PDB file of all heavy atoms in Angstrom:
ATOM      1  N   PHE A   1       2.870  14.308  21.063  1.00  0.00           N
ATOM      2  CA  PHE A   1       2.537  14.184  19.645  1.00  0.00           C
ATOM      3  C   PHE A   1       2.854  15.518  18.988  1.00  0.00           C
ATOM      4  O   PHE A   1       2.427  16.570  19.448  1.00  0.00           O
ATOM      5  CB  PHE A   1       1.074  13.820  19.445  1.00  0.00           C
ATOM      6  CG  PHE A   1       0.649  13.892  17.979  1.00  0.00           C
ATOM      7  CD1 PHE A   1       1.052  12.890  17.095  1.00  0.00           C
ATOM      8  CD2 PHE A   1      -0.123  14.931  17.514  1.00  0.00           C
ATOM      9  CE1 PHE A   1       0.676  12.938  15.759  1.00  0.00           C
ATOM     10  CE2 PHE A   1      -0.493  14.995  16.172  1.00  0.00           C
ATOM     11  CZ  PHE A   1      -0.094  13.994  15.285  1.00  0.00           C
ATOM     12  N   VAL A   2       3.631  15.462  17.895  1.00  0.00           N
ATOM     13  CA  VAL A   2       4.031  16.677  17.188  1.00  0.00           C
ATOM     14  C   VAL A   2       3.583  16.559  15.741  1.00  0.00           C
ATOM     15  O   VAL A   2       3.901  15.556  15.077  1.00  0.00           O
ATOM     16  CB  VAL A   2       5.563  16.887  17.237  1.00  0.00           C
ATOM     17  CG1 VAL A   2       5.943  18.230  16.617  1.00  0.00           C
ATOM     18  CG2 VAL A   2       6.081  16.806  18.680  1.00  0.00           C
ATOM     19  N   SER A   3       2.917  17.565  15.234  1.00  0.00           N
ATOM     20  CA  SER A   3       2.501  17.612  13.826  1.00  0.00           C
ATOM     21  C   SER A   3       3.290  18.703  13.141  1.00  0.00           C
ATOM     22  O   SER A   3       3.302  19.856  13.598  1.00  0.00           O
ATOM     23  CB  SER A   3       0.994  17.880  13.740  1.00  0.00           C
ATOM     24  OG  SER A   3       0.591  17.998  12.400  1.00  0.00           O
ATOM     25  N   ILE A   4       3.937  18.357  12.018  1.00  0.00           N
ATOM     26  CA  ILE A   4       4.825  19.285  11.336  1.00  0.00           C
ATOM     27  C   ILE A   4       4.444  19.386   9.864  1.00  0.00           C
ATOM     28  O   ILE A   4       4.424  18.397   9.151  1.00  0.00           O
ATOM     29  CB  ILE A   4       6.296  18.830  11.430  1.00  0.00           C
ATOM     30  CG1 ILE A   4       6.708  18.679  12.908  1.00  0.00           C
ATOM     31  CG2 ILE A   4       7.209  19.807  10.715  1.00  0.00           C
ATOM     32  CD1 ILE A   4       8.103  18.061  13.073  1.00  0.00           C
ATOM     33  N   GLY A   5       4.127  20.595   9.435  1.00  0.00           N
ATOM     34  CA  GLY A   5       3.959  20.842   8.003  1.00  0.00           C
ATOM     35  C   GLY A   5       2.749  20.163   7.381  1.00  0.00           C
ATOM     36  O   GLY A   5       2.829  19.760   6.218  1.00  0.00           O
ATOM     37  N   THR A   6       1.659  20.036   8.127  1.00  0.00           N
ATOM     38  CA  THR A   6       0.480  19.379   7.601  1.00  0.00           C
ATOM     39  C   THR A   6      -0.691  20.355   7.521  1.00  0.00           C
ATOM     40  O   THR A   6      -0.772  21.301   8.275  1.00  0.00           O
ATOM     41  CB  THR A   6       0.062  18.171   8.458  1.00  0.00           C
ATOM     42  OG1 THR A   6      -0.389  18.626   9.726  1.00  0.00           O
ATOM     43  CG2 THR A   6       1.226  17.221   8.649  1.00  0.00           C
ATOM     44  N   SER A   7      -1.620  20.070   6.591  1.00  0.00           N
ATOM     45  CA  SER A   7      -2.774  20.938   6.405  1.00  0.00           C
ATOM     46  C   SER A   7      -3.850  20.722   7.458  1.00  0.00           C
ATOM     47  O   SER A   7      -4.664  21.618   7.710  1.00  0.00           O
ATOM     48  CB  SER A   7      -3.378  20.698   5.002  1.00  0.00           C
ATOM     49  OG  SER A   7      -3.880  19.366   4.915  1.00  0.00           O
ATOM     50  N   GLY A   8      -3.882  19.531   8.055  1.00  0.00           N
ATOM     51  CA  GLY A   8      -4.888  19.226   9.045  1.00  0.00           C
ATOM     52  C   GLY A   8      -6.259  18.923   8.484  1.00  0.00           C
ATOM     53  O   GLY A   8      -7.247  18.915   9.226  1.00  0.00           O
ATOM     54  N   ASN A   9      -6.341  18.640   7.183  1.00  0.00           N
ATOM     55  CA  ASN A   9      -7.642  18.321   6.603  1.00  0.00           C
ATOM     56  C   ASN A   9      -7.671  17.008   5.844  1.00  0.00           C
ATOM     57  O   ASN A   9      -8.643  16.738   5.114  1.00  0.00           O
ATOM     58  CB  ASN A   9      -8.145  19.487   5.719  1.00  0.00           C
ATOM     59  CG  ASN A   9      -7.223  19.758   4.538  1.00  0.00           C
ATOM     60  OD1 ASN A   9      -6.330  18.973   4.234  1.00  0.00           O
ATOM     61  ND2 ASN A   9      -7.425  20.889   3.892  1.00  0.00           N
ATOM     62  N   VAL A  10      -6.637  16.196   5.958  1.00  0.00           N
ATOM     63  CA  VAL A  10      -6.580  14.900   5.281  1.00  0.00           C
ATOM     64  C   VAL A  10      -6.631  13.788   6.324  1.00  0.00           C
ATOM     65  O   VAL A  10      -5.755  13.693   7.173  1.00  0.00           O
ATOM     66  CB  VAL A  10      -5.318  14.769   4.419  1.00  0.00           C
ATOM     67  CG1 VAL A  10      -5.272  13.403   3.752  1.00  0.00           C
ATOM     68  CG2 VAL A  10      -5.247  15.860   3.370  1.00  0.00           C
ATOM     69  N   TYR A  11      -7.679  12.998   6.286  1.00  0.00           N
ATOM     70  CA  TYR A  11      -7.840  11.903   7.239  1.00  0.00           C
ATOM     71  C   TYR A  11      -7.312  10.599   6.647  1.00  0.00           C
ATOM     72  O   TYR A  11      -7.309  10.440   5.425  1.00  0.00           O
ATOM     73  CB  TYR A  11      -9.321  11.767   7.643  1.00  0.00           C
ATOM     74  CG  TYR A  11      -9.747  12.858   8.581  1.00  0.00           C
ATOM     75  CD1 TYR A  11     -10.139  14.088   8.102  1.00  0.00           C
ATOM     76  CD2 TYR A  11      -9.719  12.658   9.966  1.00  0.00           C
ATOM     77  CE1 TYR A  11     -10.522  15.113   8.970  1.00  0.00           C
ATOM     78  CE2 TYR A  11     -10.106  13.664  10.829  1.00  0.00           C
ATOM     79  CZ  TYR A  11     -10.493  14.889  10.339  1.00  0.00           C
ATOM     80  OH  TYR A  11     -10.852  15.884  11.199  1.00  0.00           O
ATOM     81  N   PRO A  12      -6.807   9.677   7.516  1.00  0.00           N
ATOM     82  CA  PRO A  12      -6.917   9.678   8.968  1.00  0.00           C
ATOM     83  C   PRO A  12      -5.878  10.511   9.719  1.00  0.00           C
ATOM     84  O   PRO A  12      -5.998  10.684  10.907  1.00  0.00           O
ATOM     85  CB  PRO A  12      -6.737   8.202   9.309  1.00  0.00           C
ATOM     86  CG  PRO A  12      -5.868   7.684   8.237  1.00  0.00           C
ATOM     87  CD  PRO A  12      -6.268   8.412   6.967  1.00  0.00           C
ATOM     88  N   ALA A  13      -4.860  11.032   9.032  1.00  0.00           N
ATOM     89  CA  ALA A  13      -3.774  11.735   9.742  1.00  0.00           C
ATOM     90  C   ALA A  13      -4.319  12.946  10.524  1.00  0.00           C
ATOM     91  O   ALA A  13      -3.816  13.244  11.623  1.00  0.00           O
ATOM     92  CB  ALA A  13      -2.710  12.177   8.757  1.00  0.00           C
ATOM     93  N   ALA A  14      -5.317  13.618  10.002  1.00  0.00           N
ATOM     94  CA  ALA A  14      -5.843  14.788  10.696  1.00  0.00           C
ATOM     95  C   ALA A  14      -6.474  14.440  12.037  1.00  0.00           C
ATOM     96  O   ALA A  14      -6.613  15.310  12.889  1.00  0.00           O
ATOM     97  CB  ALA A  14      -6.867  15.489   9.801  1.00  0.00           C
ATOM     98  N   GLY A  15      -6.809  13.178  12.214  1.00  0.00           N
ATOM     99  CA  GLY A  15      -7.379  12.735  13.494  1.00  0.00           C
ATOM    100  C   GLY A  15      -6.385  12.278  14.522  1.00  0.00           C
ATOM    101  O   GLY A  15      -6.767  11.949  15.656  1.00  0.00           O
ATOM    102  N   PHE A  16      -5.095  12.266  14.171  1.00  0.00           N
ATOM    103  CA  PHE A  16      -4.096  11.740  15.096  1.00  0.00           C
ATOM    104  C   PHE A  16      -3.996  12.586  16.367  1.00  0.00           C
ATOM    105  O   PHE A  16      -3.772  12.048  17.455  1.00  0.00           O
ATOM    106  CB  PHE A  16      -2.726  11.686  14.415  1.00  0.00           C
ATOM    107  CG  PHE A  16      -2.590  10.621  13.364  1.00  0.00           C
ATOM    108  CD1 PHE A  16      -1.423  10.538  12.598  1.00  0.00           C
ATOM    109  CD2 PHE A  16      -3.581   9.692  13.127  1.00  0.00           C
ATOM    110  CE1 PHE A  16      -1.264   9.546  11.636  1.00  0.00           C
ATOM    111  CE2 PHE A  16      -3.442   8.703  12.162  1.00  0.00           C
ATOM    112  CZ  PHE A  16      -2.269   8.638  11.423  1.00  0.00           C
ATOM    113  N   VAL A  17      -4.140  13.898  16.251  1.00  0.00           N
ATOM    114  CA  VAL A  17      -4.004  14.761  17.438  1.00  0.00           C
ATOM    115  C   VAL A  17      -5.096  14.438  18.438  1.00  0.00           C
ATOM    116  O   VAL A  17      -4.814  14.330  19.659  1.00  0.00           O
ATOM    117  CB  VAL A  17      -4.017  16.260  17.035  1.00  0.00           C
ATOM    118  CG1 VAL A  17      -5.241  16.636  16.253  1.00  0.00           C
ATOM    119  CG2 VAL A  17      -3.886  17.135  18.288  1.00  0.00           C
ATOM    120  N   ALA A  18      -6.317  14.245  18.006  1.00  0.00           N
ATOM    121  CA  ALA A  18      -7.411  13.908  18.914  1.00  0.00           C
ATOM    122  C   ALA A  18      -7.186  12.542  19.521  1.00  0.00           C
ATOM    123  O   ALA A  18      -7.459  12.322  20.727  1.00  0.00           O
ATOM    124  CB  ALA A  18      -8.746  13.946  18.198  1.00  0.00           C
ATOM    125  N   GLU A  19      -6.664  11.603  18.733  1.00  0.00           N
ATOM    126  CA  GLU A  19      -6.419  10.270  19.244  1.00  0.00           C
ATOM    127  C   GLU A  19      -5.335  10.299  20.330  1.00  0.00           C
ATOM    128  O   GLU A  19      -5.461   9.637  21.364  1.00  0.00           O
ATOM    129  CB  GLU A  19      -6.016   9.346  18.076  1.00  0.00           C
ATOM    130  CG  GLU A  19      -6.065   7.885  18.425  1.00  0.00           C
ATOM    131  CD  GLU A  19      -6.015   6.988  17.198  1.00  0.00           C
ATOM    132  OE1 GLU A  19      -6.119   7.486  16.063  1.00  0.00           O
ATOM    133  OE2 GLU A  19      -5.871   5.777  17.387  1.00  0.00           O
ATOM    134  N   ALA A  20      -4.253  11.031  20.086  1.00  0.00           N
ATOM    135  CA  ALA A  20      -3.180  11.112  21.068  1.00  0.00           C
ATOM    136  C   ALA A  20      -3.672  11.801  22.356  1.00  0.00           C
ATOM    137  O   ALA A  20      -3.313  11.394  23.472  1.00  0.00           O
ATOM    138  CB  ALA A  20      -1.998  11.882  20.486  1.00  0.00           C
ATOM    139  N   HIS A  21      -4.499  12.811  22.217  1.00  0.00           N
ATOM    140  CA  HIS A  21      -5.058  13.500  23.364  1.00  0.00           C
ATOM    141  C   HIS A  21      -5.944  12.567  24.191  1.00  0.00           C
ATOM    142  O   HIS A  21      -5.738  12.387  25.402  1.00  0.00           O
ATOM    143  CB  HIS A  21      -5.941  14.666  22.885  1.00  0.00           C
ATOM    144  CG  HIS A  21      -5.327  16.016  23.082  1.00  0.00           C
ATOM    145  ND1 HIS A  21      -4.715  16.422  24.246  1.00  0.00           N
ATOM    146  CD2 HIS A  21      -5.237  17.080  22.243  1.00  0.00           C
ATOM    147  CE1 HIS A  21      -4.278  17.653  24.129  1.00  0.00           C
ATOM    148  NE2 HIS A  21      -4.579  18.079  22.915  1.00  0.00           N
ATOM    149  N   HIS A  22      -6.905  11.954  23.532  1.00  0.00           N
ATOM    150  CA  HIS A  22      -7.930  11.215  24.260  1.00  0.00           C
ATOM    151  C   HIS A  22      -7.465   9.870  24.779  1.00  0.00           C
ATOM    152  O   HIS A  22      -7.829   9.444  25.875  1.00  0.00           O
ATOM    153  CB  HIS A  22      -9.163  11.042  23.355  1.00  0.00           C
ATOM    154  CG  HIS A  22      -9.788  12.338  22.971  1.00  0.00           C
ATOM    155  ND1 HIS A  22     -10.515  12.522  21.808  1.00  0.00           N
ATOM    156  CD2 HIS A  22      -9.812  13.547  23.590  1.00  0.00           C
ATOM    157  CE1 HIS A  22     -10.937  13.760  21.740  1.00  0.00           C
ATOM    158  NE2 HIS A  22     -10.509  14.415  22.806  1.00  0.00           N
ATOM    159  N   ARG A  23      -6.640   9.166  23.984  1.00  0.00           N
ATOM    160  CA  ARG A  23      -6.238   7.826  24.386  1.00  0.00           C
ATOM    161  C   ARG A  23      -5.020   7.831  25.283  1.00  0.00           C
ATOM    162  O   ARG A  23      -4.881   6.972  26.174  1.00  0.00           O
ATOM    163  CB  ARG A  23      -5.954   6.973  23.137  1.00  0.00           C
ATOM    164  CG  ARG A  23      -7.199   6.642  22.330  1.00  0.00           C
ATOM    165  CD  ARG A  23      -6.879   5.744  21.143  1.00  0.00           C
ATOM    166  NE  ARG A  23      -6.197   4.534  21.596  1.00  0.00           N
ATOM    167  CZ  ARG A  23      -5.328   3.833  20.854  1.00  0.00           C
ATOM    168  NH1 ARG A  23      -5.027   4.255  19.615  1.00  0.00           N
ATOM    169  NH2 ARG A  23      -4.763   2.748  21.311  1.00  0.00           N
ATOM    170  N   ALA A  24      -4.100   8.743  25.072  1.00  0.00           N
ATOM    171  CA  ALA A  24      -2.825   8.731  25.836  1.00  0.00           C
ATOM    172  C   ALA A  24      -2.681   9.936  26.758  1.00  0.00           C
ATOM    173  O   ALA A  24      -1.754   9.955  27.596  1.00  0.00           O
ATOM    174  CB  ALA A  24      -1.658   8.694  24.850  1.00  0.00           C
ATOM    175  N   GLY A  25      -3.534  10.908  26.640  1.00  0.00           N
ATOM    176  CA  GLY A  25      -3.348  12.130  27.427  1.00  0.00           C
ATOM    177  C   GLY A  25      -2.085  12.864  27.063  1.00  0.00           C
ATOM    178  O   GLY A  25      -1.475  13.572  27.872  1.00  0.00           O
ATOM    179  N   ALA A  26      -1.662  12.704  25.787  1.00  0.00           N
ATOM    180  CA  ALA A  26      -0.405  13.280  25.342  1.00  0.00           C
ATOM    181  C   ALA A  26      -0.497  14.789  25.192  1.00  0.00           C
ATOM    182  O   ALA A  26      -1.569  15.335  24.894  1.00  0.00           O
ATOM    183  CB  ALA A  26      -0.014  12.662  23.999  1.00  0.00           C
ATOM    184  N   HIS A  27       0.613  15.446  25.378  1.00  0.00           N
ATOM    185  CA  HIS A  27       0.726  16.837  25.011  1.00  0.00           C
ATOM    186  C   HIS A  27       0.903  16.883  23.503  1.00  0.00           C
ATOM    187  O   HIS A  27       1.621  16.076  22.905  1.00  0.00           O
ATOM    188  CB  HIS A  27       1.933  17.478  25.700  1.00  0.00           C
ATOM    189  CG  HIS A  27       1.755  17.655  27.179  1.00  0.00           C
ATOM    190  ND1 HIS A  27       1.147  18.751  27.737  1.00  0.00           N
ATOM    191  CD2 HIS A  27       2.057  16.834  28.195  1.00  0.00           C
ATOM    192  CE1 HIS A  27       1.120  18.630  29.050  1.00  0.00           C
ATOM    193  NE2 HIS A  27       1.653  17.459  29.379  1.00  0.00           N
ATOM    194  N   CYS A  28       0.246  17.846  22.857  1.00  0.00           N
ATOM    195  CA  CYS A  28       0.227  17.895  21.403  1.00  0.00           C
ATOM    196  C   CYS A  28       0.725  19.269  20.936  1.00  0.00           C
ATOM    197  O   CYS A  28       0.264  20.295  21.401  1.00  0.00           O
ATOM    198  CB  CYS A  28      -1.173  17.624  20.875  1.00  0.00           C
ATOM    199  SG  CYS A  28      -1.773  15.969  21.274  1.00  0.00           S
ATOM    200  N   MET A  29       1.643  19.226  19.992  1.00  0.00           N
ATOM    201  CA  MET A  29       2.338  20.451  19.533  1.00  0.00           C
ATOM    202  C   MET A  29       2.242  20.529  18.002  1.00  0.00           C
ATOM    203  O   MET A  29       2.436  19.546  17.301  1.00  0.00           O
ATOM    204  CB  MET A  29       3.803  20.346  19.938  1.00  0.00           C
ATOM    205  CG  MET A  29       4.644  21.551  19.625  1.00  0.00           C
ATOM    206  SD  MET A  29       4.467  22.760  20.946  1.00  0.00           S
ATOM    207  CE  MET A  29       5.500  24.092  20.299  1.00  0.00           C
ATOM    208  N   GLU A  30       1.916  21.718  17.509  1.00  0.00           N
ATOM    209  CA  GLU A  30       1.917  21.952  16.074  1.00  0.00           C
ATOM    210  C   GLU A  30       3.080  22.844  15.676  1.00  0.00           C
ATOM    211  O   GLU A  30       3.260  23.914  16.249  1.00  0.00           O
ATOM    212  CB  GLU A  30       0.590  22.604  15.626  1.00  0.00           C
ATOM    213  CG  GLU A  30       0.594  22.960  14.143  1.00  0.00           C
ATOM    214  CD  GLU A  30      -0.776  23.321  13.614  1.00  0.00           C
ATOM    215  OE1 GLU A  30      -1.209  24.497  13.815  1.00  0.00           O
ATOM    216  OE2 GLU A  30      -1.425  22.448  13.008  1.00  0.00           O
ATOM    217  N   LEU A  31       3.868  22.387  14.698  1.00  0.00           N
ATOM    218  CA  LEU A  31       4.929  23.186  14.099  1.00  0.00           C
ATOM    219  C   LEU A  31       4.556  23.345  12.636  1.00  0.00           C
ATOM    220  O   LEU A  31       4.513  22.355  11.891  1.00  0.00           O
ATOM    221  CB  LEU A  31       6.289  22.491  14.235  1.00  0.00           C
ATOM    222  CG  LEU A  31       6.697  22.038  15.639  1.00  0.00           C
ATOM    223  CD1 LEU A  31       8.056  21.335  15.571  1.00  0.00           C
ATOM    224  CD2 LEU A  31       6.750  23.213  16.606  1.00  0.00           C
ATOM    225  N   ASN A  32       4.295  24.578  12.193  1.00  0.00           N
ATOM    226  CA  ASN A  32       3.776  24.739  10.861  1.00  0.00           C
ATOM    227  C   ASN A  32       4.076  26.147  10.353  1.00  0.00           C
ATOM    228  O   ASN A  32       4.399  27.034  11.156  1.00  0.00           O
ATOM    229  CB  ASN A  32       2.248  24.507  10.840  1.00  0.00           C
ATOM    230  CG  ASN A  32       1.736  23.844   9.581  1.00  0.00           C
ATOM    231  OD1 ASN A  32       2.446  23.762   8.594  1.00  0.00           O
ATOM    232  ND2 ASN A  32       0.512  23.387   9.624  1.00  0.00           N
ATOM    233  N   LEU A  33       3.947  26.323   9.064  1.00  0.00           N
ATOM    234  CA  LEU A  33       4.165  27.661   8.501  1.00  0.00           C
ATOM    235  C   LEU A  33       3.063  28.595   8.985  1.00  0.00           C
ATOM    236  O   LEU A  33       3.315  29.789   9.236  1.00  0.00           O
ATOM    237  CB  LEU A  33       4.161  27.578   6.962  1.00  0.00           C
ATOM    238  CG  LEU A  33       4.562  28.849   6.227  1.00  0.00           C
ATOM    239  CD1 LEU A  33       5.982  29.286   6.579  1.00  0.00           C
ATOM    240  CD2 LEU A  33       4.423  28.644   4.719  1.00  0.00           C
ATOM    241  N   GLU A  34       1.846  28.080   9.117  1.00  0.00           N
ATOM    242  CA  GLU A  34       0.694  28.836   9.591  1.00  0.00           C
ATOM    243  C   GLU A  34      -0.264  27.853  10.259  1.00  0.00           C
ATOM    244  O   GLU A  34      -0.127  26.651  10.078  1.00  0.00           O
ATOM    245  CB  GLU A  34       0.004  29.566   8.462  1.00  0.00           C
ATOM    246  CG  GLU A  34      -0.416  28.683   7.332  1.00  0.00           C
ATOM    247  CD  GLU A  34      -0.866  29.461   6.100  1.00  0.00           C
ATOM    248  OE1 GLU A  34      -0.494  30.641   5.971  1.00  0.00           O
ATOM    249  OE2 GLU A  34      -1.589  28.865   5.285  1.00  0.00           O
ATOM    250  N   PRO A  35      -1.251  28.331  11.026  1.00  0.00           N
ATOM    251  CA  PRO A  35      -2.151  27.406  11.687  1.00  0.00           C
ATOM    252  C   PRO A  35      -2.868  26.473  10.689  1.00  0.00           C
ATOM    253  O   PRO A  35      -3.359  26.933   9.670  1.00  0.00           O
ATOM    254  CB  PRO A  35      -3.165  28.336  12.398  1.00  0.00           C
ATOM    255  CG  PRO A  35      -2.365  29.587  12.628  1.00  0.00           C
ATOM    256  CD  PRO A  35      -1.474  29.732  11.432  1.00  0.00           C
ATOM    257  N   SER A  36      -2.923  25.196  11.042  1.00  0.00           N
ATOM    258  CA  SER A  36      -3.622  24.230  10.222  1.00  0.00           C
ATOM    259  C   SER A  36      -5.132  24.273  10.503  1.00  0.00           C
ATOM    260  O   SER A  36      -5.592  25.007  11.390  1.00  0.00           O
ATOM    261  CB  SER A  36      -3.095  22.820  10.511  1.00  0.00           C
ATOM    262  OG  SER A  36      -3.501  22.410  11.827  1.00  0.00           O
ATOM    263  N   ASP A  37      -5.864  23.476   9.762  1.00  0.00           N
ATOM    264  CA  ASP A  37      -7.307  23.419   9.980  1.00  0.00           C
ATOM    265  C   ASP A  37      -7.649  22.888  11.375  1.00  0.00           C
ATOM    266  O   ASP A  37      -8.699  23.194  11.931  1.00  0.00           O
ATOM    267  CB  ASP A  37      -7.976  22.499   8.939  1.00  0.00           C
ATOM    268  CG  ASP A  37      -8.044  23.162   7.583  1.00  0.00           C
ATOM    269  OD1 ASP A  37      -7.597  24.320   7.444  1.00  0.00           O
ATOM    270  OD2 ASP A  37      -8.526  22.528   6.627  1.00  0.00           O
TER     271      ASP A  37
END
């Protein structure tokens, strides 16, 4: 799961990383201008 250019504070999208982690055991990567929330 890759998150690109997001603030990390708008749901439900902000919850996708936790969902990918917990349900699929996916590796999760953030690509952003600066760290998101």
